[in-house]
Protein backbone atom coordinates (compact mmCIF):
# COMPACT_ATOMS: atom_id res chain seq x y z
CA MET A 1 37.09 -74.81 26.12
CA MET A 2 37.01 -76.84 29.46
CA ILE A 3 33.79 -76.51 31.55
CA LEU A 4 34.23 -77.35 35.08
CA SER A 5 31.69 -78.13 37.46
CA LYS A 6 31.83 -76.37 41.17
CA GLY A 7 34.87 -77.44 43.20
CA GLN A 8 36.80 -78.92 40.13
CA LYS A 9 40.30 -77.89 39.40
CA VAL A 10 42.74 -77.94 36.58
CA ILE A 11 46.26 -78.54 37.38
CA ARG A 12 49.07 -79.00 34.92
CA PHE A 13 52.11 -80.94 35.30
CA ASP A 14 55.36 -81.80 33.43
CA CYS A 15 56.09 -85.63 33.13
CA TYR A 16 58.60 -85.19 36.07
CA GLU A 17 55.96 -84.04 38.45
CA GLU A 18 53.43 -86.33 37.41
CA GLY A 19 55.86 -89.24 37.80
CA ALA A 20 56.58 -88.08 41.55
CA ILE A 21 52.79 -87.81 42.19
CA ILE A 22 52.17 -91.32 40.98
CA ILE A 23 55.14 -92.74 43.07
CA ALA A 24 54.02 -90.97 46.11
CA LEU A 25 50.28 -92.00 45.64
CA ASN A 26 51.68 -95.70 45.11
CA ASP A 27 53.72 -95.45 48.28
CA LEU A 28 50.78 -94.31 50.07
CA ARG A 29 48.58 -97.32 48.75
CA ASN A 30 51.22 -99.62 49.66
CA LYS A 31 51.19 -98.27 53.26
CA GLN A 32 47.65 -98.59 53.46
CA ILE A 33 47.61 -102.08 52.25
CA GLN A 34 50.02 -103.19 54.84
CA GLU A 35 48.07 -101.39 57.46
CA ASN A 36 44.81 -103.23 56.09
CA LYS A 37 43.07 -100.00 55.27
CA SER A 38 40.94 -99.28 52.27
CA THR A 39 42.82 -98.16 49.15
CA ASP A 40 39.56 -97.19 47.18
CA THR A 41 40.41 -93.28 47.23
CA VAL A 42 43.97 -93.41 46.39
CA ASP A 43 43.07 -96.16 43.46
CA GLU A 44 40.71 -93.53 42.08
CA ILE A 45 43.03 -90.65 42.24
CA LEU A 46 45.78 -92.76 40.87
CA LEU A 47 43.58 -93.65 37.88
CA LYS A 48 42.34 -90.14 37.14
CA ILE A 49 46.25 -89.01 37.04
CA ILE A 50 47.21 -91.90 34.97
CA ASP A 51 44.32 -91.62 32.51
CA ALA A 52 44.20 -87.83 32.20
CA PRO A 53 44.52 -86.50 28.87
CA SER A 54 47.70 -84.43 28.09
CA ARG A 55 47.89 -81.31 26.02
CA LYS A 56 50.81 -80.57 23.82
CA VAL A 57 52.48 -77.14 24.44
CA LYS A 58 54.09 -75.55 21.61
CA TYR A 59 57.45 -74.04 22.08
CA GLY A 60 59.63 -71.97 19.73
CA VAL A 61 59.37 -69.45 17.26
CA PRO A 62 56.01 -68.65 15.69
CA GLU A 63 55.01 -69.54 12.07
CA LYS A 64 55.77 -67.25 9.35
CA SER A 65 53.02 -64.84 7.98
CA GLY A 66 51.53 -65.54 4.75
CA ASP A 67 53.14 -62.15 3.41
CA PHE A 68 56.72 -63.43 4.45
CA LEU A 69 58.94 -62.90 1.41
CA GLY A 70 62.42 -64.02 2.88
CA LYS A 71 65.77 -64.29 0.87
CA GLY A 72 66.84 -60.72 0.81
CA GLY A 73 63.14 -59.25 0.49
CA ALA A 74 62.21 -59.75 3.85
CA ALA A 75 59.10 -58.01 4.81
CA GLU A 76 58.72 -59.37 8.58
CA ARG A 77 59.89 -57.68 11.62
CA THR A 78 63.23 -59.35 12.92
CA SER A 79 61.95 -59.18 16.66
CA PHE A 80 58.72 -58.85 18.48
CA CYS A 81 59.94 -55.96 20.51
CA ARG A 82 58.41 -52.77 19.26
CA GLN A 83 61.55 -50.66 19.27
CA SER A 84 63.69 -53.15 17.21
CA GLY A 85 60.80 -53.86 14.95
CA GLU A 86 60.68 -50.20 13.98
CA THR A 87 64.34 -49.97 13.47
CA SER A 88 64.04 -53.08 11.38
CA GLU A 89 61.73 -51.50 9.09
CA ARG A 90 63.49 -48.20 8.79
CA SER A 91 66.73 -50.11 7.97
CA LEU A 92 64.70 -52.27 5.23
CA ARG A 93 63.25 -48.82 3.92
CA ARG A 94 66.68 -47.33 3.53
CA ARG A 95 68.12 -50.34 1.95
CA ASP A 96 65.28 -50.21 -0.61
CA GLU A 97 65.82 -46.45 -1.13
CA ALA A 98 69.49 -47.18 -1.84
CA ARG A 99 68.95 -49.54 -4.54
């Protein structure tokens, strides 16, 4: 859980967006150096972005439940949609009754 103080925000970027932000800030920093202006604020923001921790995002299919049988004795629904899950359960029951 992340606790933020008043005025703080959390923004999530993918690697391409993060790269674009770093390039834009670096260009701004170079422009300020050419104009003999202070780069302290831009430097701080650049360091925050570069040093910010990344969070891994899981994609794909959820893990199988502990009671999953598999190999012909499937006990788990084939879809997460309610209707198709009910249909799968009915077809499994019919198959077991036919045995």
